[in-house]
């Protein structure tokens, strides 16, 4: 019985972790398996403590240790959350770790049907609903790789960053090349939302009009 519970927890962590690994998230296959199996082991330990000491008249709450797991996993999930400019990444991975911990507890308690169904629903949320989310008009994302030729690197860089903030774009500078006093800035910018395309064209117009900018082109 103990082996079956741990095996069920391993399966849960493997399924959810594989999806996170495939999408190159901070916490992948092994992390999810460890969280799930560890939570399962904690629940089994809680039950064993309860069974061992109840004949001696000692009252032990079999859910106390598992309750600490649910709150403790939050610290692990916080490590996967990162802020990049105006966006926050890692929230879904943090939620998947917390979910895997809860499902591991369910497996550790012997509720196999609940654990497996929870795993299936979590997997559907991470795969099908991601596809559905990308179809929504408000979640369109446009990514552009651009090259800006200029004579004044300071003015051009400042204009790129300011235009990115003004039109809600995220700018990532990648490379700077100089040739006979002409600078070429290679960077990536992405826009999200229903007006992403319009914001990009406004961004392009703003950067093109900057002092010292000779041309802006896709690469």
N, C-alpha and C. Protein backbone atom coordinates (compact mmCIF):
# COMPACT_ATOMS: atom_id res chain seq x y z
N UNK A 1 0.83 -1.20 0.00
CA UNK A 1 0.00 0.00 0.00
C UNK A 1 0.88 1.26 0.00
N UNK A 2 1.92 1.24 0.81
CA UNK A 2 2.82 2.39 0.87
C UNK A 2 3.50 2.60 -0.48
N UNK A 3 3.91 1.53 -1.12
CA UNK A 3 4.56 1.60 -2.44
C UNK A 3 3.60 2.18 -3.48
N UNK A 4 2.34 1.73 -3.43
CA UNK A 4 1.36 2.22 -4.40
C UNK A 4 1.13 3.72 -4.24
N UNK A 5 1.08 4.18 -3.01
CA UNK A 5 0.86 5.61 -2.77
C UNK A 5 2.04 6.44 -3.29
N UNK A 6 3.25 5.98 -3.01
CA UNK A 6 4.42 6.71 -3.50
C UNK A 6 4.52 6.65 -5.03
N UNK A 7 4.14 5.51 -5.60
CA UNK A 7 4.16 5.38 -7.06
C UNK A 7 3.14 6.32 -7.70
N UNK A 8 1.99 6.43 -7.08
CA UNK A 8 0.95 7.35 -7.58
C UNK A 8 1.45 8.79 -7.52
N UNK A 9 2.12 9.14 -6.42
CA UNK A 9 2.66 10.50 -6.28
C UNK A 9 3.74 10.75 -7.32
N UNK A 10 4.57 9.74 -7.59
CA UNK A 10 5.61 9.88 -8.60
C UNK A 10 5.00 10.11 -9.98
N UNK A 11 3.93 9.38 -10.28
CA UNK A 11 3.25 9.55 -11.57
C UNK A 11 2.69 10.96 -11.71
N UNK A 12 2.10 11.47 -10.65
CA UNK A 12 1.55 12.83 -10.68
C UNK A 12 2.64 13.85 -10.95
N UNK A 13 3.74 13.75 -10.22
CA UNK A 13 4.84 14.68 -10.42
C UNK A 13 5.46 14.56 -11.80
N UNK A 14 5.53 13.33 -12.33
CA UNK A 14 6.12 13.11 -13.64
C UNK A 14 5.27 13.72 -14.75
N UNK A 15 3.95 13.56 -14.67
CA UNK A 15 3.06 14.08 -15.71
C UNK A 15 3.09 15.61 -15.74
N UNK A 16 2.90 16.22 -14.57
CA UNK A 16 2.90 17.69 -14.52
C UNK A 16 4.29 18.24 -14.79
N UNK A 17 5.30 17.59 -14.25
CA UNK A 17 6.68 18.05 -14.45
C UNK A 17 7.14 17.95 -15.88
N UNK A 18 6.67 16.92 -16.60
CA UNK A 18 7.04 16.78 -18.01
C UNK A 18 6.52 17.94 -18.83
N UNK A 19 5.30 18.37 -18.55
CA UNK A 19 4.73 19.52 -19.27
C UNK A 19 5.53 20.78 -18.98
N UNK A 20 5.92 20.99 -17.72
CA UNK A 20 6.73 22.16 -17.36
C UNK A 20 8.12 22.09 -17.97
N UNK A 21 8.68 20.88 -18.04
CA UNK A 21 10.00 20.69 -18.63
C UNK A 21 9.96 20.98 -20.13
N UNK A 22 8.88 20.55 -20.78
CA UNK A 22 8.73 20.73 -22.22
C UNK A 22 8.64 22.21 -22.59
N UNK A 23 8.04 23.00 -21.71
CA UNK A 23 7.89 24.43 -21.97
C UNK A 23 9.04 25.25 -21.37
N UNK A 24 10.09 24.56 -20.91
CA UNK A 24 11.32 25.21 -20.42
C UNK A 24 11.04 26.16 -19.25
N UNK A 25 10.34 25.66 -18.24
CA UNK A 25 10.05 26.46 -17.06
C UNK A 25 11.11 26.25 -15.98
N UNK A 26 11.19 27.18 -14.98
CA UNK A 26 12.24 27.07 -13.96
C UNK A 26 12.21 25.76 -13.18
N UNK A 27 11.03 25.25 -12.86
CA UNK A 27 10.90 23.98 -12.14
C UNK A 27 10.37 22.93 -13.11
N UNK A 28 11.15 21.87 -13.32
CA UNK A 28 10.77 20.89 -14.33
C UNK A 28 10.41 19.53 -13.76
N UNK A 29 10.81 18.49 -14.46
CA UNK A 29 10.41 17.12 -14.16
C UNK A 29 10.83 16.68 -12.76
N UNK A 30 12.12 16.75 -12.46
CA UNK A 30 12.60 16.23 -11.19
C UNK A 30 12.07 17.01 -10.00
N UNK A 31 11.96 18.33 -10.17
CA UNK A 31 11.46 19.16 -9.06
C UNK A 31 10.02 18.78 -8.71
N UNK A 32 9.18 18.61 -9.71
CA UNK A 32 7.78 18.26 -9.46
C UNK A 32 7.66 16.86 -8.86
N UNK A 33 8.49 15.94 -9.33
CA UNK A 33 8.46 14.58 -8.76
C UNK A 33 8.85 14.62 -7.29
N UNK A 34 9.91 15.35 -6.97
CA UNK A 34 10.37 15.42 -5.58
C UNK A 34 9.33 16.05 -4.67
N UNK A 35 8.68 17.12 -5.15
CA UNK A 35 7.65 17.77 -4.34
C UNK A 35 6.48 16.82 -4.10
N UNK A 36 6.05 16.12 -5.14
CA UNK A 36 4.91 15.21 -5.02
C UNK A 36 5.22 14.02 -4.11
N UNK A 37 6.37 13.39 -4.34
CA UNK A 37 6.74 12.22 -3.52
C UNK A 37 7.00 12.64 -2.07
N UNK A 38 7.64 13.78 -1.89
CA UNK A 38 7.89 14.27 -0.53
C UNK A 38 6.60 14.55 0.22
N UNK A 39 5.64 15.17 -0.46
CA UNK A 39 4.35 15.45 0.18
C UNK A 39 3.63 14.16 0.53
N UNK A 40 3.71 13.19 -0.38
CA UNK A 40 3.10 11.89 -0.13
C UNK A 40 3.73 11.22 1.09
N UNK A 41 5.06 11.29 1.18
CA UNK A 41 5.76 10.67 2.31
C UNK A 41 5.37 11.34 3.63
N UNK A 42 5.19 12.65 3.60
CA UNK A 42 4.77 13.37 4.80
C UNK A 42 3.38 12.90 5.26
N UNK A 43 2.47 12.73 4.30
CA UNK A 43 1.12 12.29 4.65
C UNK A 43 1.14 10.87 5.21
N UNK A 44 1.93 9.99 4.61
CA UNK A 44 2.05 8.62 5.11
C UNK A 44 2.63 8.62 6.53
N UNK A 45 3.65 9.45 6.74
CA UNK A 45 4.26 9.56 8.07
C UNK A 45 3.25 10.05 9.09
N UNK A 46 2.42 11.01 8.72
CA UNK A 46 1.39 11.51 9.64
C UNK A 46 0.43 10.41 10.06
N UNK A 47 0.02 9.61 9.09
CA UNK A 47 -0.90 8.52 9.40
C UNK A 47 -0.23 7.46 10.27
N UNK A 48 1.03 7.15 10.01
CA UNK A 48 1.75 6.15 10.80
C UNK A 48 1.94 6.62 12.24
N UNK A 49 2.23 7.91 12.41
CA UNK A 49 2.35 8.46 13.77
C UNK A 49 1.03 8.33 14.52
N UNK A 50 -0.06 8.64 13.81
CA UNK A 50 -1.38 8.55 14.42
C UNK A 50 -1.69 7.11 14.85
N UNK A 51 -1.42 6.15 13.95
CA UNK A 51 -1.71 4.75 14.25
C UNK A 51 -0.83 4.22 15.37
N UNK A 52 0.43 4.64 15.41
CA UNK A 52 1.37 4.12 16.40
C UNK A 52 1.06 4.59 17.81
N UNK A 53 0.65 5.84 17.97
CA UNK A 53 0.51 6.40 19.30
C UNK A 53 -0.91 6.47 19.82
N UNK A 54 -1.90 6.21 18.98
CA UNK A 54 -3.29 6.27 19.45
C UNK A 54 -3.59 5.21 20.50
N UNK A 55 -2.97 3.99 20.46
CA UNK A 55 -3.25 3.02 21.53
C UNK A 55 -2.79 3.48 22.91
N UNK A 56 -1.85 4.41 22.96
CA UNK A 56 -1.35 4.90 24.24
C UNK A 56 -2.16 6.09 24.75
N UNK A 57 -3.24 6.39 24.09
CA UNK A 57 -4.10 7.48 24.52
C UNK A 57 -3.60 8.85 24.12
N UNK A 58 -2.58 8.87 23.26
CA UNK A 58 -2.04 10.15 22.81
C UNK A 58 -2.80 10.59 21.57
N UNK A 59 -3.40 11.74 21.63
CA UNK A 59 -4.17 12.24 20.48
C UNK A 59 -3.23 12.96 19.53
N UNK A 60 -3.17 12.50 18.32
CA UNK A 60 -2.33 13.11 17.27
C UNK A 60 -3.19 13.41 16.06
N UNK A 61 -3.01 14.59 15.52
CA UNK A 61 -3.78 15.00 14.34
C UNK A 61 -3.04 14.53 13.09
N UNK A 62 -3.59 13.59 12.33
CA UNK A 62 -2.89 13.07 11.15
C UNK A 62 -2.78 14.09 10.01
N UNK A 63 -3.48 15.19 10.12
CA UNK A 63 -3.44 16.19 9.04
C UNK A 63 -2.50 17.35 9.36
N UNK A 64 -1.88 17.33 10.54
CA UNK A 64 -1.08 18.49 10.95
C UNK A 64 0.18 18.65 10.09
N UNK A 65 0.91 17.58 9.87
CA UNK A 65 2.13 17.66 9.06
C UNK A 65 1.83 18.06 7.61
N UNK A 66 0.78 17.47 7.06
CA UNK A 66 0.43 17.78 5.67
C UNK A 66 0.02 19.24 5.51
N UNK A 67 -0.60 19.81 6.54
CA UNK A 67 -0.98 21.22 6.48
C UNK A 67 0.26 22.11 6.38
N UNK A 68 1.35 21.70 7.04
CA UNK A 68 2.58 22.47 6.96
C UNK A 68 3.22 22.37 5.58
N UNK A 69 3.02 21.24 4.91
CA UNK A 69 3.55 21.08 3.55
C UNK A 69 2.89 22.07 2.61
N UNK A 70 1.58 22.21 2.70
CA UNK A 70 0.84 23.09 1.80
C UNK A 70 1.33 24.53 1.90
N UNK A 71 1.59 24.98 3.14
CA UNK A 71 2.09 26.35 3.31
C UNK A 71 3.58 26.44 3.00
N UNK A 72 4.33 25.38 3.31
CA UNK A 72 5.77 25.41 3.08
C UNK A 72 6.17 25.41 1.63
N UNK A 73 5.38 24.78 0.79
CA UNK A 73 5.69 24.74 -0.65
C UNK A 73 5.64 26.13 -1.25
N UNK A 74 4.93 27.03 -0.60
CA UNK A 74 4.86 28.41 -1.10
C UNK A 74 6.23 29.05 -1.22
N UNK A 75 7.15 28.72 -0.31
CA UNK A 75 8.50 29.29 -0.39
C UNK A 75 9.24 28.75 -1.61
N UNK A 76 9.02 27.48 -1.93
CA UNK A 76 9.64 26.90 -3.12
C UNK A 76 9.07 27.53 -4.38
N UNK A 77 7.75 27.72 -4.40
CA UNK A 77 7.11 28.34 -5.55
C UNK A 77 7.55 29.77 -5.77
N UNK A 78 7.82 30.48 -4.66
CA UNK A 78 8.27 31.88 -4.78
C UNK A 78 9.59 31.98 -5.51
N UNK A 79 10.41 30.93 -5.43
CA UNK A 79 11.69 30.94 -6.12
C UNK A 79 11.58 30.83 -7.62
N UNK A 80 10.43 30.42 -8.12
CA UNK A 80 10.23 30.30 -9.57
C UNK A 80 9.63 31.56 -10.18
N UNK A 81 9.22 32.52 -9.35
CA UNK A 81 8.57 33.74 -9.84
C UNK A 81 9.64 34.80 -10.10
N UNK A 82 9.67 35.31 -11.31
CA UNK A 82 10.66 36.31 -11.69
C UNK A 82 9.96 37.49 -12.36
N UNK A 83 10.51 38.66 -12.13
CA UNK A 83 9.98 39.87 -12.75
C UNK A 83 10.91 40.30 -13.87
N UNK A 84 10.34 40.48 -15.07
CA UNK A 84 11.10 40.96 -16.22
C UNK A 84 10.40 42.18 -16.79
N UNK A 85 10.94 43.35 -16.47
CA UNK A 85 10.31 44.59 -16.93
C UNK A 85 8.94 44.76 -16.30
N UNK A 86 7.93 44.87 -17.15
CA UNK A 86 6.57 45.08 -16.66
C UNK A 86 5.82 43.77 -16.48
N UNK A 87 6.43 42.65 -16.81
CA UNK A 87 5.76 41.36 -16.72
C UNK A 87 6.32 40.52 -15.60
N UNK A 88 5.50 39.60 -15.11
CA UNK A 88 5.90 38.66 -14.06
C UNK A 88 5.78 37.26 -14.61
N UNK A 89 6.85 36.47 -14.50
CA UNK A 89 6.86 35.11 -15.01
C UNK A 89 7.04 34.12 -13.86
N UNK A 90 6.52 32.92 -14.06
CA UNK A 90 6.72 31.86 -13.08
C UNK A 90 5.53 31.58 -12.19
N UNK A 91 4.46 32.38 -12.33
CA UNK A 91 3.29 32.18 -11.46
C UNK A 91 2.64 30.82 -11.72
N UNK A 92 2.55 30.43 -12.99
CA UNK A 92 1.93 29.15 -13.32
C UNK A 92 2.76 27.99 -12.79
N UNK A 93 4.07 28.09 -12.88
CA UNK A 93 4.93 27.03 -12.36
C UNK A 93 4.82 26.96 -10.84
N UNK A 94 4.75 28.11 -10.18
CA UNK A 94 4.58 28.12 -8.72
C UNK A 94 3.25 27.45 -8.35
N UNK A 95 2.19 27.74 -9.12
CA UNK A 95 0.89 27.12 -8.86
C UNK A 95 0.92 25.63 -9.12
N UNK A 96 1.67 25.21 -10.15
CA UNK A 96 1.76 23.77 -10.44
C UNK A 96 2.51 23.03 -9.34
N UNK A 97 3.53 23.65 -8.76
CA UNK A 97 4.23 23.03 -7.63
C UNK A 97 3.31 22.87 -6.43
N UNK A 98 2.53 23.91 -6.14
CA UNK A 98 1.59 23.84 -5.03
C UNK A 98 0.52 22.77 -5.28
N UNK A 99 0.04 22.69 -6.51
CA UNK A 99 -0.97 21.69 -6.87
C UNK A 99 -0.41 20.28 -6.75
N UNK A 100 0.82 20.08 -7.23
CA UNK A 100 1.46 18.77 -7.13
C UNK A 100 1.63 18.36 -5.68
N UNK A 101 1.97 19.30 -4.82
CA UNK A 101 2.10 18.99 -3.38
C UNK A 101 0.76 18.54 -2.80
N UNK A 102 -0.31 19.24 -3.16
CA UNK A 102 -1.64 18.87 -2.67
C UNK A 102 -2.06 17.50 -3.19
N UNK A 103 -1.78 17.22 -4.45
CA UNK A 103 -2.13 15.92 -5.02
C UNK A 103 -1.27 14.81 -4.42
N UNK A 104 -0.02 15.13 -4.09
CA UNK A 104 0.83 14.16 -3.41
C UNK A 104 0.28 13.81 -2.03
N UNK A 105 -0.26 14.79 -1.34
CA UNK A 105 -0.89 14.53 -0.04
C UNK A 105 -2.11 13.62 -0.21
N UNK A 106 -2.90 13.90 -1.26
CA UNK A 106 -4.07 13.05 -1.52
C UNK A 106 -3.65 11.61 -1.80
N UNK A 107 -2.57 11.44 -2.58
CA UNK A 107 -2.06 10.09 -2.84
C UNK A 107 -1.55 9.44 -1.56
N UNK A 108 -0.87 10.24 -0.73
CA UNK A 108 -0.36 9.71 0.53
C UNK A 108 -1.46 9.28 1.49
N UNK A 109 -2.62 9.91 1.37
CA UNK A 109 -3.76 9.53 2.21
C UNK A 109 -4.51 8.34 1.65
N UNK A 110 -4.14 7.90 0.45
CA UNK A 110 -4.79 6.74 -0.15
C UNK A 110 -5.97 7.07 -1.03
N UNK A 111 -6.19 8.35 -1.31
CA UNK A 111 -7.30 8.77 -2.16
C UNK A 111 -6.83 8.78 -3.62
N UNK A 112 -6.67 7.61 -4.18
CA UNK A 112 -6.11 7.51 -5.52
C UNK A 112 -6.99 8.16 -6.58
N UNK A 113 -8.28 7.98 -6.47
CA UNK A 113 -9.19 8.55 -7.46
C UNK A 113 -9.09 10.07 -7.48
N UNK A 114 -9.04 10.69 -6.29
CA UNK A 114 -8.91 12.14 -6.21
C UNK A 114 -7.57 12.59 -6.78
N UNK A 115 -6.51 11.87 -6.45
CA UNK A 115 -5.17 12.26 -6.90
C UNK A 115 -5.07 12.17 -8.43
N UNK A 116 -5.55 11.10 -9.02
CA UNK A 116 -5.45 10.92 -10.46
C UNK A 116 -6.34 11.93 -11.20
N UNK A 117 -7.56 12.11 -10.71
CA UNK A 117 -8.44 13.09 -11.35
C UNK A 117 -7.86 14.49 -11.25
N UNK A 118 -7.29 14.82 -10.09
CA UNK A 118 -6.66 16.13 -9.93
C UNK A 118 -5.50 16.31 -10.88
N UNK A 119 -4.72 15.23 -11.08
CA UNK A 119 -3.61 15.29 -12.02
C UNK A 119 -4.10 15.55 -13.44
N UNK A 120 -5.16 14.87 -13.85
CA UNK A 120 -5.70 15.05 -15.19
C UNK A 120 -6.22 16.47 -15.40
N UNK A 121 -6.93 16.98 -14.40
CA UNK A 121 -7.46 18.34 -14.52
C UNK A 121 -6.32 19.36 -14.55
N UNK A 122 -5.28 19.14 -13.76
CA UNK A 122 -4.14 20.06 -13.76
C UNK A 122 -3.43 20.03 -15.11
N UNK A 123 -3.28 18.83 -15.67
CA UNK A 123 -2.62 18.71 -16.98
C UNK A 123 -3.44 19.39 -18.07
N UNK A 124 -4.76 19.25 -18.00
CA UNK A 124 -5.63 19.92 -18.97
C UNK A 124 -5.50 21.44 -18.84
N UNK A 125 -5.42 21.93 -17.59
CA UNK A 125 -5.29 23.37 -17.37
C UNK A 125 -3.99 23.91 -17.95
N UNK A 126 -2.92 23.11 -17.90
CA UNK A 126 -1.62 23.56 -18.38
C UNK A 126 -1.46 23.45 -19.90
N UNK A 127 -2.24 22.59 -20.52
CA UNK A 127 -2.07 22.36 -21.97
C UNK A 127 -3.23 22.95 -22.77
N UNK A 128 -4.43 22.41 -22.60
CA UNK A 128 -5.56 22.87 -23.41
C UNK A 128 -5.88 24.33 -23.16
N UNK A 129 -5.89 24.74 -21.89
CA UNK A 129 -6.28 26.12 -21.60
C UNK A 129 -5.19 27.11 -21.97
N UNK A 130 -3.95 26.67 -22.07
CA UNK A 130 -2.91 27.55 -22.60
C UNK A 130 -3.18 27.83 -24.08
N UNK A 131 -3.55 26.78 -24.81
CA UNK A 131 -3.91 26.96 -26.23
C UNK A 131 -5.11 27.87 -26.37
N UNK A 132 -6.12 27.68 -25.50
CA UNK A 132 -7.31 28.53 -25.55
C UNK A 132 -6.98 29.96 -25.18
N UNK A 133 -6.09 30.15 -24.20
CA UNK A 133 -5.71 31.49 -23.78
C UNK A 133 -5.02 32.26 -24.90
N UNK A 134 -4.23 31.57 -25.69
CA UNK A 134 -3.53 32.23 -26.79
C UNK A 134 -4.47 32.66 -27.91
N UNK A 135 -5.68 32.07 -27.95
CA UNK A 135 -6.65 32.45 -28.97
C UNK A 135 -7.42 33.71 -28.61
N UNK A 136 -7.40 34.09 -27.33
CA UNK A 136 -8.16 35.25 -26.89
C UNK A 136 -7.54 36.53 -27.48
N UNK A 137 -8.37 37.46 -27.93
CA UNK A 137 -7.85 38.69 -28.56
C UNK A 137 -6.94 39.48 -27.65
N UNK A 138 -7.24 39.49 -26.36
CA UNK A 138 -6.45 40.28 -25.43
C UNK A 138 -5.12 39.67 -25.08
N UNK A 139 -4.84 38.46 -25.58
CA UNK A 139 -3.58 37.80 -25.24
C UNK A 139 -2.67 37.62 -26.45
N UNK A 140 -2.92 38.38 -27.50
CA UNK A 140 -2.04 38.31 -28.66
C UNK A 140 -0.67 38.88 -28.31
N UNK A 141 0.34 38.25 -28.85
CA UNK A 141 1.71 38.69 -28.58
C UNK A 141 2.48 38.81 -29.89
N UNK A 142 3.13 39.94 -30.05
CA UNK A 142 3.93 40.18 -31.25
C UNK A 142 5.38 40.39 -30.82
N UNK A 143 6.29 39.64 -31.42
CA UNK A 143 7.71 39.72 -31.11
C UNK A 143 8.47 40.15 -32.36
N UNK A 144 9.31 41.15 -32.23
CA UNK A 144 10.05 41.68 -33.37
C UNK A 144 11.54 41.75 -33.02
N UNK A 145 12.38 41.35 -33.97
CA UNK A 145 13.82 41.52 -33.87
C UNK A 145 14.21 42.67 -34.80
N UNK A 146 14.77 43.72 -34.21
CA UNK A 146 15.04 44.94 -34.95
C UNK A 146 16.52 45.31 -34.90
N UNK A 147 16.91 46.11 -35.89
CA UNK A 147 18.26 46.68 -35.93
C UNK A 147 18.13 48.17 -36.20
N UNK A 148 18.76 48.97 -35.35
CA UNK A 148 18.70 50.43 -35.47
C UNK A 148 20.10 50.95 -35.77
N UNK A 149 20.26 51.63 -36.90
CA UNK A 149 21.53 52.28 -37.24
C UNK A 149 21.47 53.72 -36.78
N UNK A 150 22.52 54.15 -36.07
CA UNK A 150 22.51 55.51 -35.53
C UNK A 150 23.94 56.03 -35.41
N UNK A 151 24.04 57.34 -35.22
CA UNK A 151 25.34 57.98 -35.01
C UNK A 151 25.57 58.34 -33.56
N UNK A 152 24.49 58.44 -32.77
CA UNK A 152 24.59 58.76 -31.34
C UNK A 152 23.96 57.61 -30.55
N UNK A 153 24.79 56.78 -29.97
CA UNK A 153 24.30 55.59 -29.29
C UNK A 153 23.47 55.93 -28.05
N UNK A 154 23.88 57.00 -27.33
CA UNK A 154 23.17 57.37 -26.11
C UNK A 154 21.74 57.81 -26.38
N UNK A 155 21.59 58.68 -27.38
CA UNK A 155 20.25 59.19 -27.73
C UNK A 155 19.36 58.06 -28.24
N UNK A 156 19.92 57.20 -29.08
CA UNK A 156 19.13 56.11 -29.66
C UNK A 156 18.67 55.12 -28.59
N UNK A 157 19.57 54.74 -27.68
CA UNK A 157 19.22 53.80 -26.61
C UNK A 157 18.14 54.39 -25.71
N UNK A 158 18.29 55.67 -25.40
CA UNK A 158 17.31 56.32 -24.54
C UNK A 158 15.94 56.37 -25.22
N UNK A 159 15.95 56.65 -26.53
CA UNK A 159 14.69 56.73 -27.28
C UNK A 159 14.01 55.36 -27.35
N UNK A 160 14.80 54.32 -27.56
CA UNK A 160 14.24 52.95 -27.63
C UNK A 160 13.58 52.57 -26.31
N UNK A 161 14.28 52.84 -25.20
CA UNK A 161 13.74 52.48 -23.88
C UNK A 161 12.50 53.29 -23.54
N UNK A 162 12.55 54.58 -23.84
CA UNK A 162 11.39 55.44 -23.53
C UNK A 162 10.18 55.07 -24.39
N UNK A 163 10.41 54.80 -25.66
CA UNK A 163 9.30 54.40 -26.53
C UNK A 163 8.72 53.07 -26.09
N UNK A 164 9.57 52.15 -25.64
CA UNK A 164 9.09 50.87 -25.13
C UNK A 164 8.17 51.05 -23.94
N UNK A 165 8.55 51.92 -23.00
CA UNK A 165 7.71 52.18 -21.83
C UNK A 165 6.42 52.88 -22.23
N UNK A 166 6.50 53.82 -23.15
CA UNK A 166 5.32 54.59 -23.55
C UNK A 166 4.27 53.72 -24.22
N UNK A 167 4.72 52.80 -25.08
CA UNK A 167 3.78 51.99 -25.85
C UNK A 167 3.68 50.55 -25.34
N UNK A 168 4.04 50.35 -24.07
CA UNK A 168 3.83 49.07 -23.37
C UNK A 168 4.55 47.90 -24.05
N UNK A 169 5.76 48.15 -24.49
CA UNK A 169 6.57 47.09 -25.09
C UNK A 169 7.72 46.71 -24.17
N UNK A 170 8.17 45.48 -24.27
CA UNK A 170 9.29 45.00 -23.46
C UNK A 170 10.51 44.89 -24.37
N UNK A 171 11.53 45.67 -24.06
CA UNK A 171 12.73 45.75 -24.90
C UNK A 171 13.85 44.93 -24.26
N UNK A 172 14.49 44.10 -25.07
CA UNK A 172 15.64 43.32 -24.63
C UNK A 172 16.81 43.62 -25.57
N UNK A 173 17.82 44.28 -25.03
CA UNK A 173 19.00 44.61 -25.84
C UNK A 173 19.88 43.38 -25.97
N UNK A 174 20.32 43.12 -27.18
CA UNK A 174 21.08 41.91 -27.44
C UNK A 174 22.52 42.16 -27.87
N UNK A 175 22.75 43.09 -28.80
CA UNK A 175 24.10 43.26 -29.34
C UNK A 175 24.28 44.68 -29.88
N UNK A 176 25.52 45.16 -29.79
CA UNK A 176 25.87 46.48 -30.30
C UNK A 176 27.10 46.33 -31.19
N UNK A 177 27.01 46.84 -32.42
CA UNK A 177 28.10 46.73 -33.39
C UNK A 177 28.45 48.13 -33.89
N UNK A 178 29.77 48.41 -34.01
CA UNK A 178 30.23 49.71 -34.51
C UNK A 178 31.04 49.51 -35.79
N UNK A 179 30.79 50.37 -36.76
CA UNK A 179 31.52 50.30 -38.02
C UNK A 179 31.71 51.70 -38.57
N UNK A 180 32.95 52.21 -38.48
CA UNK A 180 33.28 53.56 -38.98
C UNK A 180 32.40 54.64 -38.38
N UNK A 181 32.20 54.59 -37.08
CA UNK A 181 31.43 55.61 -36.40
C UNK A 181 29.93 55.43 -36.48
N UNK A 182 29.45 54.38 -37.17
CA UNK A 182 28.02 54.09 -37.26
C UNK A 182 27.72 52.91 -36.33
N UNK A 183 26.80 53.14 -35.43
CA UNK A 183 26.42 52.11 -34.47
C UNK A 183 25.17 51.38 -34.95
N UNK A 184 25.15 50.06 -34.74
CA UNK A 184 23.96 49.27 -35.04
C UNK A 184 23.54 48.55 -33.76
N UNK A 185 22.33 48.85 -33.31
CA UNK A 185 21.79 48.24 -32.10
C UNK A 185 20.84 47.12 -32.50
N UNK A 186 21.16 45.92 -32.10
CA UNK A 186 20.27 44.78 -32.35
C UNK A 186 19.50 44.49 -31.06
N UNK A 187 18.19 44.43 -31.16
CA UNK A 187 17.40 44.18 -29.95
C UNK A 187 16.08 43.51 -30.32
N UNK A 188 15.42 43.02 -29.31
CA UNK A 188 14.11 42.38 -29.46
C UNK A 188 13.09 43.15 -28.64
N UNK A 189 11.91 43.32 -29.21
CA UNK A 189 10.83 44.00 -28.49
C UNK A 189 9.55 43.21 -28.70
N UNK A 190 8.76 43.05 -27.64
CA UNK A 190 7.48 42.35 -27.80
C UNK A 190 6.36 43.15 -27.16
N UNK A 191 5.18 43.01 -27.75
CA UNK A 191 3.99 43.73 -27.33
C UNK A 191 2.87 42.72 -27.09
N UNK A 192 2.07 42.96 -26.04
CA UNK A 192 0.95 42.08 -25.72
C UNK A 192 -0.35 42.86 -25.76
N UNK A 193 -1.45 42.14 -25.92
CA UNK A 193 -2.77 42.76 -25.84
C UNK A 193 -3.43 42.98 -27.18
N UNK A 194 -4.64 43.48 -27.14
CA UNK A 194 -5.42 43.68 -28.35
C UNK A 194 -4.81 44.72 -29.28
N UNK A 195 -4.13 45.71 -28.72
CA UNK A 195 -3.57 46.79 -29.54
C UNK A 195 -2.07 46.62 -29.75
N UNK A 196 -1.59 45.40 -29.63
CA UNK A 196 -0.15 45.16 -29.73
C UNK A 196 0.41 45.61 -31.07
N UNK A 197 -0.29 45.31 -32.15
CA UNK A 197 0.19 45.67 -33.47
C UNK A 197 0.26 47.19 -33.65
N UNK A 198 -0.75 47.89 -33.18
CA UNK A 198 -0.77 49.35 -33.28
C UNK A 198 0.34 49.97 -32.44
N UNK A 199 0.54 49.39 -31.24
CA UNK A 199 1.60 49.91 -30.37
C UNK A 199 2.98 49.74 -31.02
N UNK A 200 3.16 48.64 -31.74
CA UNK A 200 4.45 48.42 -32.39
C UNK A 200 4.70 49.47 -33.46
N UNK A 201 3.72 49.77 -34.28
CA UNK A 201 3.91 50.76 -35.34
C UNK A 201 4.17 52.16 -34.76
N UNK A 202 3.53 52.48 -33.65
CA UNK A 202 3.80 53.75 -32.99
C UNK A 202 5.22 53.77 -32.42
N UNK A 203 5.62 52.63 -31.86
CA UNK A 203 6.98 52.49 -31.34
C UNK A 203 8.00 52.68 -32.45
N UNK A 204 7.73 52.06 -33.60
CA UNK A 204 8.63 52.14 -34.75
C UNK A 204 8.75 53.58 -35.25
N UNK A 205 7.62 54.27 -35.31
CA UNK A 205 7.62 55.66 -35.77
C UNK A 205 8.38 56.56 -34.80
N UNK A 206 8.20 56.32 -33.51
CA UNK A 206 8.87 57.13 -32.49
C UNK A 206 10.39 56.97 -32.56
N UNK A 207 10.84 55.73 -32.69
CA UNK A 207 12.29 55.47 -32.75
C UNK A 207 12.89 56.01 -34.03
N UNK A 208 12.17 55.88 -35.14
CA UNK A 208 12.68 56.34 -36.44
C UNK A 208 12.90 57.84 -36.47
N UNK A 209 12.11 58.59 -35.69
CA UNK A 209 12.21 60.05 -35.68
C UNK A 209 13.27 60.58 -34.71
N UNK A 210 13.91 59.68 -33.99
CA UNK A 210 14.90 60.09 -33.00
C UNK A 210 16.11 60.72 -33.68
N UNK A 211 16.73 61.67 -33.01
CA UNK A 211 17.90 62.35 -33.54
C UNK A 211 19.07 61.37 -33.68
N UNK A 212 19.69 61.36 -34.86
CA UNK A 212 20.83 60.50 -35.10
C UNK A 212 20.51 59.12 -35.61
N UNK A 213 19.21 58.75 -35.64
CA UNK A 213 18.82 57.43 -36.14
C UNK A 213 18.73 57.47 -37.66
N UNK A 214 19.49 56.62 -38.31
CA UNK A 214 19.52 56.59 -39.77
C UNK A 214 18.46 55.68 -40.37
N UNK A 215 18.25 54.52 -39.76
CA UNK A 215 17.21 53.60 -40.24
C UNK A 215 16.89 52.57 -39.17
N UNK A 216 15.67 52.00 -39.29
CA UNK A 216 15.21 50.93 -38.40
C UNK A 216 14.69 49.82 -39.29
N UNK A 217 15.16 48.59 -39.10
CA UNK A 217 14.74 47.50 -39.97
C UNK A 217 14.61 46.19 -39.20
N UNK A 218 13.76 45.31 -39.73
CA UNK A 218 13.61 43.97 -39.17
C UNK A 218 14.81 43.12 -39.53
N UNK A 219 15.19 42.24 -38.64
CA UNK A 219 16.32 41.34 -38.91
C UNK A 219 15.89 39.89 -38.69
